[in-house]
Amino acid sequence: MIAPRAWMLLVPVIAVLAGGQVWLSHLRYELSLDSQRLIAEKESLKLESSTLRLEVASLTRPDRLREYARNKLGMAPPSPMQVLHP
């Protein structure tokens, strides 16, 4: 049989351990939610990155840049007199 003094030590230890278990369960739940949120954010960012890469590829096409330079910036290919040969 356990002595009364031992019970006085055992009960608080069990209570602390139970409280620690509850705290760890809560922490594990919060980490799981954070993990799910970060995974969803990662997927969203991957999609956005893919979309932006496609947009960059589209905007830097040589024919599009040539048209933009000619129509928006008023640029034209250099005349033979403007080209310097070393």
PDB file of N, CA and C in Angstrom:
ATOM      1  N   MET A   1       0.846  -1.176   0.000  1.00  0.00           N
ATOM      2  CA  MET A   1       0.000   0.000   0.000  1.00  0.00           C
ATOM      3  C   MET A   1       0.889   1.237   0.000  1.00  0.00           C
ATOM      4  N   ILE A   2       0.412   2.263  -0.665  1.00  0.00           N
ATOM      5  CA  ILE A   2       1.182   3.503  -0.767  1.00  0.00           C
ATOM      6  C   ILE A   2       0.889   4.371   0.447  1.00  0.00           C
ATOM      7  N   ALA A   3       1.947   4.896   1.005  1.00  0.00           N
ATOM      8  CA  ALA A   3       1.821   5.746   2.199  1.00  0.00           C
ATOM      9  C   ALA A   3       1.151   7.063   1.830  1.00  0.00           C
ATOM     10  N   PRO A   4       0.443   7.687   2.781  1.00  0.00           N
ATOM     11  CA  PRO A   4      -0.237   8.953   2.511  1.00  0.00           C
ATOM     12  C   PRO A   4       0.724  10.036   2.017  1.00  0.00           C
ATOM     13  N   ARG A   5       1.929  10.015   2.533  1.00  0.00           N
ATOM     14  CA  ARG A   5       2.904  11.028   2.104  1.00  0.00           C
ATOM     15  C   ARG A   5       3.263  10.836   0.616  1.00  0.00           C
ATOM     16  N   ALA A   6       3.355   9.574   0.191  1.00  0.00           N
ATOM     17  CA  ALA A   6       3.648   9.277  -1.215  1.00  0.00           C
ATOM     18  C   ALA A   6       2.510   9.761  -2.111  1.00  0.00           C
ATOM     19  N   TRP A   7       1.264   9.600  -1.639  1.00  0.00           N
ATOM     20  CA  TRP A   7       0.117  10.095  -2.404  1.00  0.00           C
ATOM     21  C   TRP A   7       0.192  11.610  -2.572  1.00  0.00           C
ATOM     22  N   MET A   8       0.657  12.278  -1.542  1.00  0.00           N
ATOM     23  CA  MET A   8       0.751  13.742  -1.604  1.00  0.00           C
ATOM     24  C   MET A   8       1.749  14.173  -2.679  1.00  0.00           C
ATOM     25  N   LEU A   9       2.733  13.350  -2.956  1.00  0.00           N
ATOM     26  CA  LEU A   9       3.692  13.659  -4.016  1.00  0.00           C
ATOM     27  C   LEU A   9       3.212  13.151  -5.376  1.00  0.00           C
ATOM     28  N   LEU A  10       2.555  12.011  -5.374  1.00  0.00           N
ATOM     29  CA  LEU A  10       2.129  11.374  -6.609  1.00  0.00           C
ATOM     30  C   LEU A  10       1.017  12.151  -7.310  1.00  0.00           C
ATOM     31  N   VAL A  11       0.056  12.640  -6.570  1.00  0.00           N
ATOM     32  CA  VAL A  11      -1.081  13.360  -7.161  1.00  0.00           C
ATOM     33  C   VAL A  11      -0.628  14.614  -7.911  1.00  0.00           C
ATOM     34  N   PRO A  12       0.201  15.489  -7.328  1.00  0.00           N
ATOM     35  CA  PRO A  12       0.647  16.667  -8.085  1.00  0.00           C
ATOM     36  C   PRO A  12       1.489  16.301  -9.312  1.00  0.00           C
ATOM     37  N   VAL A  13       2.294  15.260  -9.195  1.00  0.00           N
ATOM     38  CA  VAL A  13       3.108  14.835 -10.341  1.00  0.00           C
ATOM     39  C   VAL A  13       2.204  14.375 -11.479  1.00  0.00           C
ATOM     40  N   ILE A  14       1.194  13.588 -11.158  1.00  0.00           N
ATOM     41  CA  ILE A  14       0.246  13.127 -12.178  1.00  0.00           C
ATOM     42  C   ILE A  14      -0.505  14.311 -12.783  1.00  0.00           C
ATOM     43  N   ALA A  15      -0.891  15.263 -11.951  1.00  0.00           N
ATOM     44  CA  ALA A  15      -1.603  16.445 -12.450  1.00  0.00           C
ATOM     45  C   ALA A  15      -0.717  17.249 -13.401  1.00  0.00           C
ATOM     46  N   VAL A  16       0.548  17.418 -13.046  1.00  0.00           N
ATOM     47  CA  VAL A  16       1.480  18.157 -13.915  1.00  0.00           C
ATOM     48  C   VAL A  16       1.680  17.409 -15.229  1.00  0.00           C
ATOM     49  N   LEU A  17       1.841  16.105 -15.160  1.00  0.00           N
ATOM     50  CA  LEU A  17       2.008  15.307 -16.376  1.00  0.00           C
ATOM     51  C   LEU A  17       0.765  15.375 -17.265  1.00  0.00           C
ATOM     52  N   ALA A  18      -0.413  15.313 -16.655  1.00  0.00           N
ATOM     53  CA  ALA A  18      -1.659  15.412 -17.426  1.00  0.00           C
ATOM     54  C   ALA A  18      -1.775  16.790 -18.075  1.00  0.00           C
ATOM     55  N   GLY A  19      -1.435  17.830 -17.315  1.00  0.00           N
ATOM     56  CA  GLY A  19      -1.465  19.184 -17.877  1.00  0.00           C
ATOM     57  C   GLY A  19      -0.479  19.328 -19.024  1.00  0.00           C
ATOM     58  N   GLY A  20       0.695  18.731 -18.869  1.00  0.00           N
ATOM     59  CA  GLY A  20       1.687  18.756 -19.947  1.00  0.00           C
ATOM     60  C   GLY A  20       1.185  18.042 -21.186  1.00  0.00           C
ATOM     61  N   GLN A  21       0.488  16.939 -20.984  1.00  0.00           N
ATOM     62  CA  GLN A  21      -0.062  16.195 -22.117  1.00  0.00           C
ATOM     63  C   GLN A  21      -1.118  17.018 -22.855  1.00  0.00           C
ATOM     64  N   VAL A  22      -1.965  17.706 -22.101  1.00  0.00           N
ATOM     65  CA  VAL A  22      -2.985  18.569 -22.716  1.00  0.00           C
ATOM     66  C   VAL A  22      -2.310  19.685 -23.498  1.00  0.00           C
ATOM     67  N   TRP A  23      -1.285  20.294 -22.901  1.00  0.00           N
ATOM     68  CA  TRP A  23      -0.568  21.381 -23.567  1.00  0.00           C
ATOM     69  C   TRP A  23       0.099  20.883 -24.855  1.00  0.00           C
ATOM     70  N   LEU A  24       0.726  19.702 -24.797  1.00  0.00           N
ATOM     71  CA  LEU A  24       1.369  19.139 -25.985  1.00  0.00           C
ATOM     72  C   LEU A  24       0.352  18.822 -27.080  1.00  0.00           C
ATOM     73  N   SER A  25      -0.812  18.329 -26.691  1.00  0.00           N
ATOM     74  CA  SER A  25      -1.864  18.051 -27.678  1.00  0.00           C
ATOM     75  C   SER A  25      -2.322  19.335 -28.350  1.00  0.00           C
ATOM     76  N   HIS A  26      -2.488  20.376 -27.561  1.00  0.00           N
ATOM     77  CA  HIS A  26      -2.885  21.677 -28.111  1.00  0.00           C
ATOM     78  C   HIS A  26      -1.803  22.207 -29.046  1.00  0.00           C
ATOM     79  N   LEU A  27      -0.554  22.097 -28.648  1.00  0.00           N
ATOM     80  CA  LEU A  27       0.563  22.556 -29.465  1.00  0.00           C
ATOM     81  C   LEU A  27       0.636  21.773 -30.772  1.00  0.00           C
ATOM     82  N   ARG A  28       0.444  20.465 -30.697  1.00  0.00           N
ATOM     83  CA  ARG A  28       0.458  19.623 -31.889  1.00  0.00           C
ATOM     84  C   ARG A  28      -0.669  20.031 -32.842  1.00  0.00           C
ATOM     85  N   TYR A  29      -1.843  20.340 -32.309  1.00  0.00           N
ATOM     86  CA  TYR A  29      -2.978  20.782 -33.124  1.00  0.00           C
ATOM     87  C   TYR A  29      -2.661  22.107 -33.825  1.00  0.00           C
ATOM     88  N   GLU A  30      -2.093  23.070 -33.080  1.00  0.00           N
ATOM     89  CA  GLU A  30      -1.747  24.363 -33.674  1.00  0.00           C
ATOM     90  C   GLU A  30      -0.692  24.201 -34.765  1.00  0.00           C
ATOM     91  N   LEU A  31       0.295  23.351 -34.525  1.00  0.00           N
ATOM     92  CA  LEU A  31       1.337  23.118 -35.530  1.00  0.00           C
ATOM     93  C   LEU A  31       0.760  22.455 -36.775  1.00  0.00           C
ATOM     94  N   SER A  32      -0.203  21.582 -36.587  1.00  0.00           N
ATOM     95  CA  SER A  32      -0.858  20.943 -37.724  1.00  0.00           C
ATOM     96  C   SER A  32      -1.605  21.978 -38.564  1.00  0.00           C
ATOM     97  N   LEU A  33      -2.307  22.890 -37.899  1.00  0.00           N
ATOM     98  CA  LEU A  33      -3.009  23.951 -38.627  1.00  0.00           C
ATOM     99  C   LEU A  33      -2.029  24.846 -39.375  1.00  0.00           C
ATOM    100  N   ASP A  34      -0.928  25.221 -38.714  1.00  0.00           N
ATOM    101  CA  ASP A  34       0.093  26.043 -39.367  1.00  0.00           C
ATOM    102  C   ASP A  34       0.678  25.323 -40.573  1.00  0.00           C
ATOM    103  N   SER A  35       0.931  24.044 -40.415  1.00  0.00           N
ATOM    104  CA  SER A  35       1.495  23.251 -41.506  1.00  0.00           C
ATOM    105  C   SER A  35       0.545  23.220 -42.702  1.00  0.00           C
ATOM    106  N   GLN A  36      -0.732  23.004 -42.454  1.00  0.00           N
ATOM    107  CA  GLN A  36      -1.717  22.982 -43.537  1.00  0.00           C
ATOM    108  C   GLN A  36      -1.814  24.339 -44.221  1.00  0.00           C
ATOM    109  N   ARG A  37      -1.771  25.409 -43.430  1.00  0.00           N
ATOM    110  CA  ARG A  37      -1.840  26.756 -43.997  1.00  0.00           C
ATOM    111  C   ARG A  37      -0.616  27.028 -44.867  1.00  0.00           C
ATOM    112  N   LEU A  38       0.562  26.622 -44.395  1.00  0.00           N
ATOM    113  CA  LEU A  38       1.789  26.853 -45.156  1.00  0.00           C
ATOM    114  C   LEU A  38       1.826  26.029 -46.441  1.00  0.00           C
ATOM    115  N   ILE A  39       1.308  24.819 -46.392  1.00  0.00           N
ATOM    116  CA  ILE A  39       1.251  23.990 -47.599  1.00  0.00           C
ATOM    117  C   ILE A  39       0.330  24.632 -48.628  1.00  0.00           C
ATOM    118  N   ALA A  40      -0.819  25.132 -48.187  1.00  0.00           N
ATOM    119  CA  ALA A  40      -1.748  25.804 -49.104  1.00  0.00           C
ATOM    120  C   ALA A  40      -1.114  27.072 -49.673  1.00  0.00           C
ATOM    121  N   GLU A  41      -0.419  27.828 -48.830  1.00  0.00           N
ATOM    122  CA  GLU A  41       0.246  29.050 -49.295  1.00  0.00           C
ATOM    123  C   GLU A  41       1.349  28.713 -50.301  1.00  0.00           C
ATOM    124  N   LYS A  42       2.082  27.643 -50.049  1.00  0.00           N
ATOM    125  CA  LYS A  42       3.142  27.213 -50.965  1.00  0.00           C
ATOM    126  C   LYS A  42       2.560  26.874 -52.332  1.00  0.00           C
ATOM    127  N   GLU A  43       1.462  26.140 -52.356  1.00  0.00           N
ATOM    128  CA  GLU A  43       0.823  25.780 -53.621  1.00  0.00           C
ATOM    129  C   GLU A  43       0.331  27.028 -54.355  1.00  0.00           C
ATOM    130  N   SER A  44      -0.238  27.959 -53.607  1.00  0.00           N
ATOM    131  CA  SER A  44      -0.705  29.209 -54.208  1.00  0.00           C
ATOM    132  C   SER A  44       0.461  29.990 -54.807  1.00  0.00           C
ATOM    133  N   LEU A  45       1.574  30.048 -54.091  1.00  0.00           N
ATOM    134  CA  LEU A  45       2.751  30.769 -54.582  1.00  0.00           C
ATOM    135  C   LEU A  45       3.373  30.074 -55.792  1.00  0.00           C
ATOM    136  N   LYS A  46       3.336  28.741 -55.809  1.00  0.00           N
ATOM    137  CA  LYS A  46       3.843  28.015 -56.975  1.00  0.00           C
ATOM    138  C   LYS A  46       3.010  28.340 -58.207  1.00  0.00           C
ATOM    139  N   LEU A  47       1.697  28.404 -58.044  1.00  0.00           N
ATOM    140  CA  LEU A  47       0.816  28.747 -59.156  1.00  0.00           C
ATOM    141  C   LEU A  47       1.071  30.174 -59.622  1.00  0.00           C
ATOM    142  N   GLU A  48       1.209  31.105 -58.673  1.00  0.00           N
ATOM    143  CA  GLU A  48       1.488  32.499 -59.021  1.00  0.00           C
ATOM    144  C   GLU A  48       2.836  32.620 -59.729  1.00  0.00           C
ATOM    145  N   SER A  49       3.834  31.897 -59.257  1.00  0.00           N
ATOM    146  CA  SER A  49       5.158  31.917 -59.880  1.00  0.00           C
ATOM    147  C   SER A  49       5.084  31.401 -61.311  1.00  0.00           C
ATOM    148  N   SER A  50       4.354  30.334 -61.508  1.00  0.00           N
ATOM    149  CA  SER A  50       4.193  29.772 -62.846  1.00  0.00           C
ATOM    150  C   SER A  50       3.512  30.773 -63.776  1.00  0.00           C
ATOM    151  N   THR A  51       2.484  31.429 -63.275  1.00  0.00           N
ATOM    152  CA  THR A  51       1.770  32.433 -64.065  1.00  0.00           C
ATOM    153  C   THR A  51       2.687  33.594 -64.421  1.00  0.00           C
ATOM    154  N   LEU A  52       3.484  34.052 -63.454  1.00  0.00           N
ATOM    155  CA  LEU A  52       4.390  35.172 -63.703  1.00  0.00           C
ATOM    156  C   LEU A  52       5.501  34.786 -64.675  1.00  0.00           C
ATOM    157  N   ARG A  53       6.003  33.562 -64.593  1.00  0.00           N
ATOM    158  CA  ARG A  53       7.026  33.113 -65.548  1.00  0.00           C
ATOM    159  C   ARG A  53       6.461  33.109 -66.970  1.00  0.00           C
ATOM    160  N   LEU A  54       5.235  32.663 -67.107  1.00  0.00           N
ATOM    161  CA  LEU A  54       4.587  32.661 -68.415  1.00  0.00           C
ATOM    162  C   LEU A  54       4.420  34.085 -68.927  1.00  0.00           C
ATOM    163  N   GLU A  55       4.043  34.995 -68.037  1.00  0.00           N
ATOM    164  CA  GLU A  55       3.874  36.396 -68.419  1.00  0.00           C
ATOM    165  C   GLU A  55       5.206  37.009 -68.847  1.00  0.00           C
ATOM    166  N   VAL A  56       6.278  36.725 -68.121  1.00  0.00           N
ATOM    167  CA  VAL A  56       7.603  37.240 -68.484  1.00  0.00           C
ATOM    168  C   VAL A  56       8.017  36.702 -69.850  1.00  0.00           C
ATOM    169  N   ALA A  57       7.801  35.416 -70.071  1.00  0.00           N
ATOM    170  CA  ALA A  57       8.149  34.826 -71.364  1.00  0.00           C
ATOM    171  C   ALA A  57       7.369  35.491 -72.488  1.00  0.00           C
ATOM    172  N   SER A  58       6.116  35.795 -72.231  1.00  0.00           N
ATOM    173  CA  SER A  58       5.284  36.450 -73.242  1.00  0.00           C
ATOM    174  C   SER A  58       5.740  37.881 -73.500  1.00  0.00           C
ATOM    175  N   LEU A  59       6.081  38.599 -72.435  1.00  0.00           N
ATOM    176  CA  LEU A  59       6.455  40.011 -72.584  1.00  0.00           C
ATOM    177  C   LEU A  59       7.845  40.200 -73.180  1.00  0.00           C
ATOM    178  N   THR A  60       8.696  39.211 -73.099  1.00  0.00           N
ATOM    179  CA  THR A  60      10.066  39.364 -73.595  1.00  0.00           C
ATOM    180  C   THR A  60      10.286  38.683 -74.944  1.00  0.00           C
ATOM    181  N   ARG A  61       9.220  38.333 -75.633  1.00  0.00           N
ATOM    182  CA  ARG A  61       9.359  37.791 -76.984  1.00  0.00           C
ATOM    183  C   ARG A  61       9.969  38.864 -77.881  1.00  0.00           C
ATOM    184  N   PRO A  62      10.942  38.519 -78.715  1.00  0.00           N
ATOM    185  CA  PRO A  62      11.597  39.521 -79.566  1.00  0.00           C
ATOM    186  C   PRO A  62      10.630  40.299 -80.455  1.00  0.00           C
ATOM    187  N   ASP A  63       9.654  39.632 -81.055  1.00  0.00           N
ATOM    188  CA  ASP A  63       8.718  40.352 -81.929  1.00  0.00           C
ATOM    189  C   ASP A  63       7.861  41.338 -81.140  1.00  0.00           C
ATOM    190  N   ARG A  64       7.504  40.988 -79.921  1.00  0.00           N
ATOM    191  CA  ARG A  64       6.722  41.905 -79.092  1.00  0.00           C
ATOM    192  C   ARG A  64       7.568  43.095 -78.666  1.00  0.00           C
ATOM    193  N   LEU A  65       8.827  42.852 -78.288  1.00  0.00           N
ATOM    194  CA  LEU A  65       9.715  43.950 -77.902  1.00  0.00           C
ATOM    195  C   LEU A  65       9.971  44.888 -79.081  1.00  0.00           C
ATOM    196  N   ARG A  66      10.149  44.316 -80.263  1.00  0.00           N
ATOM    197  CA  ARG A  66      10.367  45.126 -81.469  1.00  0.00           C
ATOM    198  C   ARG A  66       9.149  46.021 -81.728  1.00  0.00           C
ATOM    199  N   GLU A  67       7.966  45.440 -81.638  1.00  0.00           N
ATOM    200  CA  GLU A  67       6.732  46.203 -81.854  1.00  0.00           C
ATOM    201  C   GLU A  67       6.569  47.295 -80.797  1.00  0.00           C
ATOM    202  N   TYR A  68       6.855  46.965 -79.537  1.00  0.00           N
ATOM    203  CA  TYR A  68       6.743  47.948 -78.455  1.00  0.00           C
ATOM    204  C   TYR A  68       7.727  49.095 -78.679  1.00  0.00           C
ATOM    205  N   ALA A  69       8.965  48.772 -79.036  1.00  0.00           N
ATOM    206  CA  ALA A  69       9.974  49.812 -79.266  1.00  0.00           C
ATOM    207  C   ALA A  69       9.564  50.719 -80.419  1.00  0.00           C
ATOM    208  N   ARG A  70       9.021  50.136 -81.454  1.00  0.00           N
ATOM    209  CA  ARG A  70       8.632  50.925 -82.628  1.00  0.00           C
ATOM    210  C   ARG A  70       7.393  51.776 -82.341  1.00  0.00           C
ATOM    211  N   ASN A  71       6.345  51.186 -81.790  1.00  0.00           N
ATOM    212  CA  ASN A  71       5.065  51.889 -81.634  1.00  0.00           C
ATOM    213  C   ASN A  71       4.983  52.758 -80.382  1.00  0.00           C
ATOM    214  N   LYS A  72       5.504  52.290 -79.272  1.00  0.00           N
ATOM    215  CA  LYS A  72       5.361  53.035 -78.013  1.00  0.00           C
ATOM    216  C   LYS A  72       6.526  53.982 -77.749  1.00  0.00           C
ATOM    217  N   LEU A  73       7.725  53.575 -78.152  1.00  0.00           N
ATOM    218  CA  LEU A  73       8.904  54.379 -77.840  1.00  0.00           C
ATOM    219  C   LEU A  73       9.416  55.174 -79.037  1.00  0.00           C
ATOM    220  N   GLY A  74       8.837  54.926 -80.202  1.00  0.00           N
ATOM    221  CA  GLY A  74       9.255  55.663 -81.396  1.00  0.00           C
ATOM    222  C   GLY A  74      10.649  55.280 -81.875  1.00  0.00           C
ATOM    223  N   MET A  75      11.086  54.097 -81.576  1.00  0.00           N
ATOM    224  CA  MET A  75      12.415  53.658 -81.987  1.00  0.00           C
ATOM    225  C   MET A  75      12.336  52.993 -83.352  1.00  0.00           C
ATOM    226  N   ALA A  76      13.460  53.004 -84.064  1.00  0.00           N
ATOM    227  CA  ALA A  76      13.547  52.366 -85.376  1.00  0.00           C
ATOM    228  C   ALA A  76      14.934  51.759 -85.511  1.00  0.00           C
ATOM    229  N   PRO A  77      15.081  50.791 -86.405  1.00  0.00           N
ATOM    230  CA  PRO A  77      16.416  50.235 -86.617  1.00  0.00           C
ATOM    231  C   PRO A  77      17.358  51.340 -87.103  1.00  0.00           C
ATOM    232  N   PRO A  78      18.639  51.271 -86.781  1.00  0.00           N
ATOM    233  CA  PRO A  78      19.562  52.320 -87.207  1.00  0.00           C
ATOM    234  C   PRO A  78      19.779  52.277 -88.721  1.00  0.00           C
ATOM    235  N   SER A  79      19.964  53.457 -89.278  1.00  0.00           N
ATOM    236  CA  SER A  79      20.285  53.523 -90.710  1.00  0.00           C
ATOM    237  C   SER A  79      21.746  53.119 -90.884  1.00  0.00           C
ATOM    238  N   PRO A  80      22.147  52.759 -92.097  1.00  0.00           N
ATOM    239  CA  PRO A  80      23.545  52.358 -92.307  1.00  0.00           C
ATOM    240  C   PRO A  80      24.544  53.438 -91.889  1.00  0.00           C
ATOM    241  N   MET A  81      24.170  54.695 -91.966  1.00  0.00           N
ATOM    242  CA  MET A  81      25.076  55.782 -91.588  1.00  0.00           C
ATOM    243  C   MET A  81      25.239  55.878 -90.063  1.00  0.00           C
ATOM    244  N   GLN A  82      24.311  55.344 -89.315  1.00  0.00           N
ATOM    245  CA  GLN A  82      24.372  55.411 -87.851  1.00  0.00           C
ATOM    246  C   GLN A  82      25.177  54.265 -87.244  1.00  0.00           C
ATOM    247  N   VAL A  83      25.510  53.274 -88.023  1.00  0.00           N
ATOM    248  CA  VAL A  83      26.242  52.116 -87.528  1.00  0.00           C
ATOM    249  C   VAL A  83      27.733  52.372 -87.662  1.00  0.00           C
ATOM    250  N   LEU A  84      28.460  52.236 -86.573  1.00  0.00           N
ATOM    251  CA  LEU A  84      29.908  52.427 -86.583  1.00  0.00           C
ATOM    252  C   LEU A  84      30.590  51.079 -86.755  1.00  0.00           C
ATOM    253  N   HIS A  85      31.570  51.046 -87.625  1.00  0.00           N
ATOM    254  CA  HIS A  85      32.352  49.828 -87.826  1.00  0.00           C
ATOM    255  C   HIS A  85      33.764  50.098 -87.343  1.00  0.00           C
ATOM    256  N   PRO A  86      34.319  49.247 -86.521  1.00  0.00           N
ATOM    257  CA  PRO A  86      35.683  49.501 -86.005  1.00  0.00           C
ATOM    258  C   PRO A  86      36.763  49.348 -87.060  1.00  0.00           C
TER     259      PRO A  86
END
